Amino acid sequence: MATLTIRNVPEKLHMLLKESAAQHRRSVNNEVKCSLERVLVAHRVGSQEFLAEVDALHKRMPRVHLTEEFLRTANNEGRS
């Protein structure tokens, strides 16, 4: 496993990390690893997986029909 050293961490960020670590009952080191993993790993989804999730959601909600016209109207209403 690699070692990472982070220098010149702003005091406010360090304080936020310590508070978050305490809330999650982790060390600051483990809180940093979990935070990095959440940002860099958990949100990356391949296009095929994303489309499969959309398809599954659509099958659970068959009465929802989002046409291009509906979306355009909703978008225009939001601008007024």
PDB file of N, CA and C in Angstrom:
ATOM      1  N   MET A   1       0.847  -1.172   0.000  1.00  0.00           N
ATOM      2  CA  MET A   1       0.000   0.000   0.000  1.00  0.00           C
ATOM      3  C   MET A   1       0.895   1.238   0.000  1.00  0.00           C
ATOM      4  N   ALA A   2       0.503   2.240  -0.743  1.00  0.00           N
ATOM      5  CA  ALA A   2       1.297   3.462  -0.883  1.00  0.00           C
ATOM      6  C   ALA A   2       1.086   4.389   0.308  1.00  0.00           C
ATOM      7  N   THR A   3       2.043   5.274   0.507  1.00  0.00           N
ATOM      8  CA  THR A   3       1.955   6.293   1.541  1.00  0.00           C
ATOM      9  C   THR A   3       1.854   7.644   0.862  1.00  0.00           C
ATOM     10  N   LEU A   4       0.982   8.496   1.386  1.00  0.00           N
ATOM     11  CA  LEU A   4       0.757   9.811   0.814  1.00  0.00           C
ATOM     12  C   LEU A   4       0.924  10.852   1.916  1.00  0.00           C
ATOM     13  N   THR A   5       1.711  11.869   1.646  1.00  0.00           N
ATOM     14  CA  THR A   5       1.887  12.972   2.582  1.00  0.00           C
ATOM     15  C   THR A   5       1.288  14.219   1.966  1.00  0.00           C
ATOM     16  N   ILE A   6       0.448  14.897   2.726  1.00  0.00           N
ATOM     17  CA  ILE A   6      -0.172  16.129   2.234  1.00  0.00           C
ATOM     18  C   ILE A   6       0.355  17.275   3.085  1.00  0.00           C
ATOM     19  N   ARG A   7       0.978  18.248   2.443  1.00  0.00           N
ATOM     20  CA  ARG A   7       1.566  19.384   3.152  1.00  0.00           C
ATOM     21  C   ARG A   7       0.684  20.615   3.008  1.00  0.00           C
ATOM     22  N   ASN A   8       0.858  21.524   3.936  1.00  0.00           N
ATOM     23  CA  ASN A   8       0.208  22.836   3.902  1.00  0.00           C
ATOM     24  C   ASN A   8      -1.320  22.755   3.806  1.00  0.00           C
ATOM     25  N   VAL A   9      -1.905  21.883   4.612  1.00  0.00           N
ATOM     26  CA  VAL A   9      -3.363  21.777   4.663  1.00  0.00           C
ATOM     27  C   VAL A   9      -3.888  22.995   5.419  1.00  0.00           C
ATOM     28  N   PRO A  10      -4.807  23.739   4.831  1.00  0.00           N
ATOM     29  CA  PRO A  10      -5.359  24.903   5.527  1.00  0.00           C
ATOM     30  C   PRO A  10      -6.022  24.490   6.846  1.00  0.00           C
ATOM     31  N   GLU A  11      -5.886  25.340   7.847  1.00  0.00           N
ATOM     32  CA  GLU A  11      -6.416  25.033   9.183  1.00  0.00           C
ATOM     33  C   GLU A  11      -7.906  24.714   9.146  1.00  0.00           C
ATOM     34  N   LYS A  12      -8.663  25.476   8.358  1.00  0.00           N
ATOM     35  CA  LYS A  12     -10.110  25.254   8.303  1.00  0.00           C
ATOM     36  C   LYS A  12     -10.415  23.863   7.745  1.00  0.00           C
ATOM     37  N   LEU A  13      -9.703  23.454   6.705  1.00  0.00           N
ATOM     38  CA  LEU A  13      -9.911  22.131   6.130  1.00  0.00           C
ATOM     39  C   LEU A  13      -9.526  21.045   7.131  1.00  0.00           C
ATOM     40  N   HIS A  14      -8.430  21.242   7.829  1.00  0.00           N
ATOM     41  CA  HIS A  14      -7.999  20.277   8.836  1.00  0.00           C
ATOM     42  C   HIS A  14      -9.043  20.157   9.934  1.00  0.00           C
ATOM     43  N   MET A  15      -9.605  21.272  10.352  1.00  0.00           N
ATOM     44  CA  MET A  15     -10.643  21.271  11.378  1.00  0.00           C
ATOM     45  C   MET A  15     -11.880  20.505  10.886  1.00  0.00           C
ATOM     46  N   LEU A  16     -12.267  20.745   9.627  1.00  0.00           N
ATOM     47  CA  LEU A  16     -13.420  20.044   9.063  1.00  0.00           C
ATOM     48  C   LEU A  16     -13.172  18.544   8.981  1.00  0.00           C
ATOM     49  N   LEU A  17     -11.959  18.156   8.616  1.00  0.00           N
ATOM     50  CA  LEU A  17     -11.611  16.739   8.571  1.00  0.00           C
ATOM     51  C   LEU A  17     -11.684  16.110   9.957  1.00  0.00           C
ATOM     52  N   LYS A  18     -11.175  16.821  10.967  1.00  0.00           N
ATOM     53  CA  LYS A  18     -11.222  16.304  12.335  1.00  0.00           C
ATOM     54  C   LYS A  18     -12.658  16.152  12.816  1.00  0.00           C
ATOM     55  N   GLU A  19     -13.513  17.130  12.517  1.00  0.00           N
ATOM     56  CA  GLU A  19     -14.912  17.061  12.924  1.00  0.00           C
ATOM     57  C   GLU A  19     -15.624  15.905  12.225  1.00  0.00           C
ATOM     58  N   SER A  20     -15.380  15.763  10.933  1.00  0.00           N
ATOM     59  CA  SER A  20     -16.004  14.691  10.180  1.00  0.00           C
ATOM     60  C   SER A  20     -15.526  13.325  10.677  1.00  0.00           C
ATOM     61  N   ALA A  21     -14.247  13.219  10.957  1.00  0.00           N
ATOM     62  CA  ALA A  21     -13.697  11.968  11.482  1.00  0.00           C
ATOM     63  C   ALA A  21     -14.348  11.611  12.819  1.00  0.00           C
ATOM     64  N   ALA A  22     -14.533  12.594  13.674  1.00  0.00           N
ATOM     65  CA  ALA A  22     -15.160  12.345  14.969  1.00  0.00           C
ATOM     66  C   ALA A  22     -16.611  11.895  14.796  1.00  0.00           C
ATOM     67  N   GLN A  23     -17.322  12.523  13.874  1.00  0.00           N
ATOM     68  CA  GLN A  23     -18.719  12.149  13.628  1.00  0.00           C
ATOM     69  C   GLN A  23     -18.836  10.719  13.112  1.00  0.00           C
ATOM     70  N   HIS A  24     -17.873  10.299  12.299  1.00  0.00           N
ATOM     71  CA  HIS A  24     -17.907   8.954  11.728  1.00  0.00           C
ATOM     72  C   HIS A  24     -17.116   7.949  12.562  1.00  0.00           C
ATOM     73  N   ARG A  25     -16.573   8.424  13.688  1.00  0.00           N
ATOM     74  CA  ARG A  25     -15.766   7.583  14.588  1.00  0.00           C
ATOM     75  C   ARG A  25     -14.592   6.940  13.857  1.00  0.00           C
ATOM     76  N   ARG A  26     -13.874   7.792  13.132  1.00  0.00           N
ATOM     77  CA  ARG A  26     -12.682   7.363  12.400  1.00  0.00           C
ATOM     78  C   ARG A  26     -11.505   8.231  12.793  1.00  0.00           C
ATOM     79  N   SER A  27     -10.318   7.760  12.463  1.00  0.00           N
ATOM     80  CA  SER A  27      -9.146   8.617  12.588  1.00  0.00           C
ATOM     81  C   SER A  27      -9.182   9.609  11.439  1.00  0.00           C
ATOM     82  N   VAL A  28      -8.412  10.684  11.567  1.00  0.00           N
ATOM     83  CA  VAL A  28      -8.337  11.666  10.479  1.00  0.00           C
ATOM     84  C   VAL A  28      -7.785  10.988   9.229  1.00  0.00           C
ATOM     85  N   ASN A  29      -6.810  10.121   9.390  1.00  0.00           N
ATOM     86  CA  ASN A  29      -6.233   9.406   8.256  1.00  0.00           C
ATOM     87  C   ASN A  29      -7.301   8.588   7.525  1.00  0.00           C
ATOM     88  N   ASN A  30      -8.094   7.832   8.275  1.00  0.00           N
ATOM     89  CA  ASN A  30      -9.144   7.039   7.641  1.00  0.00           C
ATOM     90  C   ASN A  30     -10.242   7.912   7.038  1.00  0.00           C
ATOM     91  N   GLU A  31     -10.514   9.048   7.651  1.00  0.00           N
ATOM     92  CA  GLU A  31     -11.516   9.963   7.100  1.00  0.00           C
ATOM     93  C   GLU A  31     -11.049  10.509   5.755  1.00  0.00           C
ATOM     94  N   VAL A  32      -9.777  10.831   5.654  1.00  0.00           N
ATOM     95  CA  VAL A  32      -9.222  11.322   4.383  1.00  0.00           C
ATOM     96  C   VAL A  32      -9.328  10.235   3.316  1.00  0.00           C
ATOM     97  N   LYS A  33      -8.977   8.988   3.656  1.00  0.00           N
ATOM     98  CA  LYS A  33      -9.067   7.895   2.689  1.00  0.00           C
ATOM     99  C   LYS A  33     -10.507   7.671   2.246  1.00  0.00           C
ATOM    100  N   CYS A  34     -11.435   7.667   3.193  1.00  0.00           N
ATOM    101  CA  CYS A  34     -12.851   7.475   2.837  1.00  0.00           C
ATOM    102  C   CYS A  34     -13.368   8.619   1.969  1.00  0.00           C
ATOM    103  N   SER A  35     -12.964   9.838   2.290  1.00  0.00           N
ATOM    104  CA  SER A  35     -13.398  10.997   1.508  1.00  0.00           C
ATOM    105  C   SER A  35     -12.854  10.939   0.088  1.00  0.00           C
ATOM    106  N   LEU A  36     -11.593  10.600  -0.046  1.00  0.00           N
ATOM    107  CA  LEU A  36     -10.998  10.484  -1.376  1.00  0.00           C
ATOM    108  C   LEU A  36     -11.669   9.372  -2.181  1.00  0.00           C
ATOM    109  N   GLU A  37     -11.913   8.252  -1.531  1.00  0.00           N
ATOM    110  CA  GLU A  37     -12.565   7.143  -2.224  1.00  0.00           C
ATOM    111  C   GLU A  37     -13.970   7.524  -2.665  1.00  0.00           C
ATOM    112  N   ARG A  38     -14.705   8.210  -1.795  1.00  0.00           N
ATOM    113  CA  ARG A  38     -16.071   8.621  -2.133  1.00  0.00           C
ATOM    114  C   ARG A  38     -16.077   9.543  -3.349  1.00  0.00           C
ATOM    115  N   VAL A  39     -15.105  10.430  -3.435  1.00  0.00           N
ATOM    116  CA  VAL A  39     -15.059  11.392  -4.533  1.00  0.00           C
ATOM    117  C   VAL A  39     -14.512  10.771  -5.814  1.00  0.00           C
ATOM    118  N   LEU A  40     -13.475   9.962  -5.699  1.00  0.00           N
ATOM    119  CA  LEU A  40     -12.785   9.480  -6.893  1.00  0.00           C
ATOM    120  C   LEU A  40     -13.276   8.139  -7.426  1.00  0.00           C
ATOM    121  N   VAL A  41     -13.816   7.302  -6.571  1.00  0.00           N
ATOM    122  CA  VAL A  41     -14.168   5.954  -6.994  1.00  0.00           C
ATOM    123  C   VAL A  41     -15.673   5.745  -7.087  1.00  0.00           C
ATOM    124  N   ALA A  42     -16.387   6.125  -6.076  1.00  0.00           N
ATOM    125  CA  ALA A  42     -17.801   5.772  -5.976  1.00  0.00           C
ATOM    126  C   ALA A  42     -18.659   6.402  -7.065  1.00  0.00           C
ATOM    127  N   HIS A  43     -18.302   7.539  -7.590  1.00  0.00           N
ATOM    128  CA  HIS A  43     -19.143   8.233  -8.546  1.00  0.00           C
ATOM    129  C   HIS A  43     -18.863   7.871 -10.002  1.00  0.00           C
ATOM    130  N   ARG A  44     -17.863   7.100 -10.231  1.00  0.00           N
ATOM    131  CA  ARG A  44     -17.537   6.741 -11.606  1.00  0.00           C
ATOM    132  C   ARG A  44     -18.353   5.530 -12.024  1.00  0.00           C
ATOM    133  N   VAL A  45     -19.200   5.743 -12.996  1.00  0.00           N
ATOM    134  CA  VAL A  45     -20.054   4.681 -13.499  1.00  0.00           C
ATOM    135  C   VAL A  45     -19.880   4.625 -15.004  1.00  0.00           C
ATOM    136  N   GLY A  46     -19.696   3.442 -15.522  1.00  0.00           N
ATOM    137  CA  GLY A  46     -19.559   3.278 -16.965  1.00  0.00           C
ATOM    138  C   GLY A  46     -20.876   3.576 -17.666  1.00  0.00           C
ATOM    139  N   SER A  47     -20.784   3.904 -18.943  1.00  0.00           N
ATOM    140  CA  SER A  47     -21.982   4.283 -19.686  1.00  0.00           C
ATOM    141  C   SER A  47     -22.984   3.144 -19.759  1.00  0.00           C
ATOM    142  N   GLN A  48     -22.531   1.912 -19.935  1.00  0.00           N
ATOM    143  CA  GLN A  48     -23.445   0.775 -20.008  1.00  0.00           C
ATOM    144  C   GLN A  48     -24.173   0.573 -18.678  1.00  0.00           C
ATOM    145  N   GLU A  49     -23.433   0.708 -17.582  1.00  0.00           N
ATOM    146  CA  GLU A  49     -24.044   0.567 -16.256  1.00  0.00           C
ATOM    147  C   GLU A  49     -25.063   1.686 -16.001  1.00  0.00           C
ATOM    148  N   PHE A  50     -24.714   2.893 -16.407  1.00  0.00           N
ATOM    149  CA  PHE A  50     -25.627   4.025 -16.236  1.00  0.00           C
ATOM    150  C   PHE A  50     -26.923   3.795 -17.015  1.00  0.00           C
ATOM    151  N   LEU A  51     -26.787   3.366 -18.281  1.00  0.00           N
ATOM    152  CA  LEU A  51     -27.971   3.124 -19.095  1.00  0.00           C
ATOM    153  C   LEU A  51     -28.818   1.985 -18.526  1.00  0.00           C
ATOM    154  N   ALA A  52     -28.187   0.986 -17.965  1.00  0.00           N
ATOM    155  CA  ALA A  52     -28.932  -0.113 -17.340  1.00  0.00           C
ATOM    156  C   ALA A  52     -29.712   0.388 -16.129  1.00  0.00           C
ATOM    157  N   GLU A  53     -29.109   1.287 -15.336  1.00  0.00           N
ATOM    158  CA  GLU A  53     -29.804   1.864 -14.181  1.00  0.00           C
ATOM    159  C   GLU A  53     -30.982   2.715 -14.622  1.00  0.00           C
ATOM    160  N   VAL A  54     -30.803   3.490 -15.681  1.00  0.00           N
ATOM    161  CA  VAL A  54     -31.894   4.315 -16.215  1.00  0.00           C
ATOM    162  C   VAL A  54     -33.025   3.424 -16.713  1.00  0.00           C
ATOM    163  N   ASP A  55     -32.679   2.367 -17.421  1.00  0.00           N
ATOM    164  CA  ASP A  55     -33.686   1.437 -17.927  1.00  0.00           C
ATOM    165  C   ASP A  55     -34.452   0.780 -16.779  1.00  0.00           C
ATOM    166  N   ALA A  56     -33.749   0.364 -15.736  1.00  0.00           N
ATOM    167  CA  ALA A  56     -34.408  -0.250 -14.583  1.00  0.00           C
ATOM    168  C   ALA A  56     -35.332   0.741 -13.893  1.00  0.00           C
ATOM    169  N   LEU A  57     -34.901   1.979 -13.770  1.00  0.00           N
ATOM    170  CA  LEU A  57     -35.737   3.016 -13.164  1.00  0.00           C
ATOM    171  C   LEU A  57     -36.978   3.257 -14.012  1.00  0.00           C
ATOM    172  N   HIS A  58     -36.800   3.310 -15.305  1.00  0.00           N
ATOM    173  CA  HIS A  58     -37.930   3.516 -16.209  1.00  0.00           C
ATOM    174  C   HIS A  58     -38.947   2.377 -16.088  1.00  0.00           C
ATOM    175  N   LYS A  59     -38.471   1.156 -15.930  1.00  0.00           N
ATOM    176  CA  LYS A  59     -39.369   0.006 -15.790  1.00  0.00           C
ATOM    177  C   LYS A  59     -40.149   0.055 -14.479  1.00  0.00           C
ATOM    178  N   ARG A  60     -39.538   0.634 -13.439  1.00  0.00           N
ATOM    179  CA  ARG A  60     -40.244   0.763 -12.153  1.00  0.00           C
ATOM    180  C   ARG A  60     -41.250   1.894 -12.186  1.00  0.00           C
ATOM    181  N   MET A  61     -41.099   2.831 -13.109  1.00  0.00           N
ATOM    182  CA  MET A  61     -41.976   3.996 -13.205  1.00  0.00           C
ATOM    183  C   MET A  61     -42.515   4.117 -14.629  1.00  0.00           C
ATOM    184  N   PRO A  62     -43.318   3.169 -15.086  1.00  0.00           N
ATOM    185  CA  PRO A  62     -43.735   3.159 -16.486  1.00  0.00           C
ATOM    186  C   PRO A  62     -44.667   4.298 -16.874  1.00  0.00           C
ATOM    187  N   ARG A  63     -45.281   4.962 -15.914  1.00  0.00           N
ATOM    188  CA  ARG A  63     -46.219   6.030 -16.244  1.00  0.00           C
ATOM    189  C   ARG A  63     -45.545   7.382 -16.479  1.00  0.00           C
ATOM    190  N   VAL A  64     -44.270   7.445 -16.265  1.00  0.00           N
ATOM    191  CA  VAL A  64     -43.546   8.697 -16.458  1.00  0.00           C
ATOM    192  C   VAL A  64     -43.062   8.749 -17.904  1.00  0.00           C
ATOM    193  N   HIS A  65     -43.541   9.743 -18.645  1.00  0.00           N
ATOM    194  CA  HIS A  65     -43.144   9.887 -20.042  1.00  0.00           C
ATOM    195  C   HIS A  65     -42.539  11.275 -20.230  1.00  0.00           C
ATOM    196  N   LEU A  66     -41.250  11.314 -20.414  1.00  0.00           N
ATOM    197  CA  LEU A  66     -40.555  12.578 -20.617  1.00  0.00           C
ATOM    198  C   LEU A  66     -40.244  12.734 -22.096  1.00  0.00           C
ATOM    199  N   THR A  67     -41.094  13.468 -22.759  1.00  0.00           N
ATOM    200  CA  THR A  67     -40.856  13.725 -24.171  1.00  0.00           C
ATOM    201  C   THR A  67     -39.982  14.967 -24.303  1.00  0.00           C
ATOM    202  N   GLU A  68     -39.435  15.149 -25.469  1.00  0.00           N
ATOM    203  CA  GLU A  68     -38.617  16.332 -25.722  1.00  0.00           C
ATOM    204  C   GLU A  68     -39.447  17.602 -25.542  1.00  0.00           C
ATOM    205  N   GLU A  69     -40.698  17.568 -25.983  1.00  0.00           N
ATOM    206  CA  GLU A  69     -41.574  18.722 -25.838  1.00  0.00           C
ATOM    207  C   GLU A  69     -41.843  19.041 -24.364  1.00  0.00           C
ATOM    208  N   PHE A  70     -42.096  17.991 -23.562  1.00  0.00           N
ATOM    209  CA  PHE A  70     -42.326  18.193 -22.123  1.00  0.00           C
ATOM    210  C   PHE A  70     -41.103  18.831 -21.469  1.00  0.00           C
ATOM    211  N   LEU A  71     -39.929  18.306 -21.783  1.00  0.00           N
ATOM    212  CA  LEU A  71     -38.700  18.834 -21.190  1.00  0.00           C
ATOM    213  C   LEU A  71     -38.440  20.270 -21.620  1.00  0.00           C
ATOM    214  N   ARG A  72     -38.695  20.583 -22.885  1.00  0.00           N
ATOM    215  CA  ARG A  72     -38.502  21.944 -23.380  1.00  0.00           C
ATOM    216  C   ARG A  72     -39.440  22.906 -22.657  1.00  0.00           C
ATOM    217  N   THR A  73     -40.714  22.505 -22.503  1.00  0.00           N
ATOM    218  CA  THR A  73     -41.695  23.352 -21.808  1.00  0.00           C
ATOM    219  C   THR A  73     -41.287  23.562 -20.353  1.00  0.00           C
ATOM    220  N   ALA A  74     -40.885  22.492 -19.691  1.00  0.00           N
ATOM    221  CA  ALA A  74     -40.472  22.598 -18.285  1.00  0.00           C
ATOM    222  C   ALA A  74     -39.249  23.495 -18.156  1.00  0.00           C
ATOM    223  N   ASN A  75     -38.328  23.382 -19.074  1.00  0.00           N
ATOM    224  CA  ASN A  75     -37.122  24.196 -19.054  1.00  0.00           C
ATOM    225  C   ASN A  75     -37.480  25.671 -19.246  1.00  0.00           C
ATOM    226  N   ASN A  76     -38.372  25.960 -20.176  1.00  0.00           N
ATOM    227  CA  ASN A  76     -38.790  27.341 -20.422  1.00  0.00           C
ATOM    228  C   ASN A  76     -39.563  27.920 -19.239  1.00  0.00           C
ATOM    229  N   GLU A  77     -40.387  27.112 -18.594  1.00  0.00           N
ATOM    230  CA  GLU A  77     -41.129  27.582 -17.423  1.00  0.00           C
ATOM    231  C   GLU A  77     -40.186  27.940 -16.286  1.00  0.00           C
ATOM    232  N   GLY A  78     -39.122  27.200 -16.159  1.00  0.00           N
ATOM    233  CA  GLY A  78     -38.154  27.465 -15.109  1.00  0.00           C
ATOM    234  C   GLY A  78     -37.387  28.748 -15.303  1.00  0.00           C
ATOM    235  N   ARG A  79     -37.411  29.283 -16.494  1.00  0.00           N
ATOM    236  CA  ARG A  79     -36.669  30.508 -16.796  1.00  0.00           C
ATOM    237  C   ARG A  79     -37.504  31.757 -16.606  1.00  0.00           C
ATOM    238  N   SER A  80     -38.800  31.612 -16.422  1.00  0.00           N
ATOM    239  CA  SER A  80     -39.641  32.793 -16.307  1.00  0.00           C
ATOM    240  C   SER A  80     -39.717  33.299 -14.886  1.00  0.00           C
TER     241      SER A  80
END
